[in-house]
């Protein structure tokens, strides 16, 4: 009879080539939680011109540059407007809301300053090359 020589079992060799991906990679849609929260907060209609300016500032500038501070401000103001909130707590909550306003204002000013700087810079700027001076030795 023919005998088959026993060979040691070797590990399987896998091809090193990269197989094409079955699924196409699709970028995940951007999810902006701050916009979702801010859109769901009820807004009071403006009563006068100052309210219209304030609402426009909140919607256009503050929301763009520091939305987390705006969310905190709106949350604190909703708590302060509750009828069952004690007067001392209302005072403390309004002070915290004022800190949010200051934080949002400073972030808005800084953001507008950065936008202005990037707007004023030319798009295609090449660095200046100074000629090398040959100094006598």
Protein backbone atom coordinates (compact mmCIF):
# COMPACT_ATOMS: atom_id res chain seq x y z
CA UNK A 1 0.00 0.00 0.00
CA UNK A 2 0.99 3.49 -0.57
CA UNK A 3 1.72 5.48 2.51
CA UNK A 4 1.21 9.18 2.60
CA UNK A 5 3.93 10.94 4.44
CA UNK A 6 2.61 12.98 7.33
CA UNK A 7 3.45 16.61 6.89
CA UNK A 8 3.22 19.11 9.69
CA UNK A 9 0.11 21.25 9.44
CA UNK A 10 1.00 24.80 8.67
CA UNK A 11 -1.12 27.85 9.28
CA UNK A 12 -3.24 28.98 6.43
CA UNK A 13 -1.79 31.68 4.31
CA UNK A 14 -4.15 34.56 3.77
CA UNK A 15 -3.82 36.85 0.86
CA UNK A 16 -2.45 40.23 1.83
CA UNK A 17 -4.37 42.08 -0.81
CA UNK A 18 -7.07 44.37 0.36
CA UNK A 19 -10.55 43.35 -0.65
CA UNK A 20 -12.92 46.00 -1.89
CA UNK A 21 -15.32 47.18 0.73
CA UNK A 22 -18.81 45.85 0.34
CA UNK A 23 -20.36 48.90 1.97
CA UNK A 24 -19.60 52.34 0.73
CA UNK A 25 -18.46 54.63 3.48
CA UNK A 26 -21.00 57.35 3.94
CA UNK A 27 -20.16 60.20 6.28
CA UNK A 28 -22.43 60.39 9.28
CA UNK A 29 -24.77 63.35 9.26
CA UNK A 30 -23.72 66.12 11.58
CA UNK A 31 -25.83 66.19 14.71
CA UNK A 32 -26.04 69.54 16.40
CA UNK A 33 -27.55 68.99 19.83
CA UNK A 34 -27.35 72.67 20.75
CA UNK A 35 -29.55 73.70 17.80
CA UNK A 36 -32.01 70.93 18.60
CA UNK A 37 -32.31 72.06 22.23
CA UNK A 38 -32.49 75.76 21.39
CA UNK A 39 -35.17 75.18 18.76
CA UNK A 40 -37.31 73.30 21.28
CA UNK A 41 -37.20 76.05 23.94
CA UNK A 42 -40.36 78.16 23.85
CA UNK A 43 -39.74 81.83 23.11
CA UNK A 44 -41.86 84.71 24.31
CA UNK A 45 -42.98 87.09 21.57
CA UNK A 46 -41.17 90.43 21.67
CA UNK A 47 -43.09 93.20 23.44
CA UNK A 48 -41.06 96.17 22.25
CA UNK A 49 -38.12 97.14 20.05
CA UNK A 50 -35.57 96.21 22.74
CA UNK A 51 -36.97 92.68 22.91
CA UNK A 52 -36.71 92.36 19.14
CA UNK A 53 -33.05 93.43 19.22
CA UNK A 54 -32.32 91.07 22.16
CA UNK A 55 -33.98 88.10 20.41
CA UNK A 56 -32.12 88.85 17.18
CA UNK A 57 -28.80 88.97 19.08
CA UNK A 58 -29.56 85.67 20.82
CA UNK A 59 -30.61 83.92 17.62
CA UNK A 60 -27.93 85.19 15.28
CA UNK A 61 -24.78 85.90 17.30
CA UNK A 62 -24.89 84.28 20.72
CA UNK A 63 -26.23 80.99 19.36
CA UNK A 64 -23.46 80.90 16.75
CA UNK A 65 -20.51 81.61 19.03
CA UNK A 66 -21.46 80.10 22.41
CA UNK A 67 -24.61 77.95 22.28
CA UNK A 68 -23.96 76.16 25.59
CA UNK A 69 -24.01 79.46 27.46
CA UNK A 70 -27.28 80.38 25.73
CA UNK A 71 -28.83 77.05 26.72
CA UNK A 72 -27.80 77.63 30.35
CA UNK A 73 -29.21 81.17 30.24
CA UNK A 74 -32.55 80.04 28.81
CA UNK A 75 -32.81 77.21 31.34
CA UNK A 76 -32.08 79.52 34.26
CA UNK A 77 -34.59 82.09 33.02
CA UNK A 78 -37.29 79.41 32.71
CA UNK A 79 -36.64 78.34 36.31
CA UNK A 80 -36.72 81.95 37.52
CA UNK A 81 -40.09 82.55 35.82
CA UNK A 82 -41.78 79.62 37.57
CA UNK A 83 -44.45 80.92 39.96
CA UNK A 84 -43.40 78.65 42.86
CA UNK A 85 -39.75 79.74 42.93
CA UNK A 86 -38.84 81.55 46.18
CA UNK A 87 -37.57 85.13 45.93
CA UNK A 88 -34.07 84.30 47.21
CA UNK A 89 -33.71 81.52 44.65
CA UNK A 90 -34.95 83.85 41.90
CA UNK A 91 -32.28 86.38 42.84
CA UNK A 92 -29.54 83.73 42.77
CA UNK A 93 -30.81 82.29 39.47
CA UNK A 94 -30.91 85.74 37.86
CA UNK A 95 -27.33 86.41 38.99
CA UNK A 96 -26.23 83.12 37.41
CA UNK A 97 -28.13 84.05 34.25
CA UNK A 98 -26.26 87.38 34.19
CA UNK A 99 -22.96 85.48 34.30
CA UNK A 100 -24.16 83.46 31.30
CA UNK A 101 -24.93 86.71 29.46
CA UNK A 102 -21.45 88.08 30.18
CA UNK A 103 -19.87 84.80 29.06
CA UNK A 104 -21.93 84.76 25.87
CA UNK A 105 -21.15 88.40 25.12
CA UNK A 106 -17.39 87.91 25.55
CA UNK A 107 -17.48 84.76 23.37
CA UNK A 108 -19.46 86.65 20.72
CA UNK A 109 -17.00 89.54 20.69
CA UNK A 110 -14.06 87.15 20.45
CA UNK A 111 -15.72 85.15 17.68
CA UNK A 112 -16.54 88.27 15.69
CA UNK A 113 -12.95 89.48 16.11
CA UNK A 114 -11.61 86.18 14.76
CA UNK A 115 -14.04 86.25 11.84
CA UNK A 116 -12.97 89.79 11.01
CA UNK A 117 -9.29 88.82 11.08
CA UNK A 118 -9.83 85.85 8.79
CA UNK A 119 -12.00 87.95 6.48
CA UNK A 120 -9.32 90.63 6.13
CA UNK A 121 -6.50 88.19 5.36
CA UNK A 122 -5.83 87.67 1.66
CA UNK A 123 -6.66 84.17 0.42
CA UNK A 124 -3.45 83.31 -1.45
CA UNK A 125 -0.57 84.74 0.49
CA UNK A 126 2.95 83.53 -0.11
CA UNK A 127 5.54 84.30 2.51
CA UNK A 128 8.10 86.93 1.64
CA UNK A 129 11.54 85.61 0.93
CA UNK A 130 14.34 87.85 2.04
CA UNK A 131 17.52 87.57 0.01
CA UNK A 132 20.39 86.09 1.90
CA UNK A 133 22.99 88.72 2.52
CA UNK A 134 26.54 87.71 1.98
CA UNK A 135 28.53 89.16 4.78
CA UNK A 136 32.27 89.53 4.44
CA UNK A 137 34.16 87.11 6.63
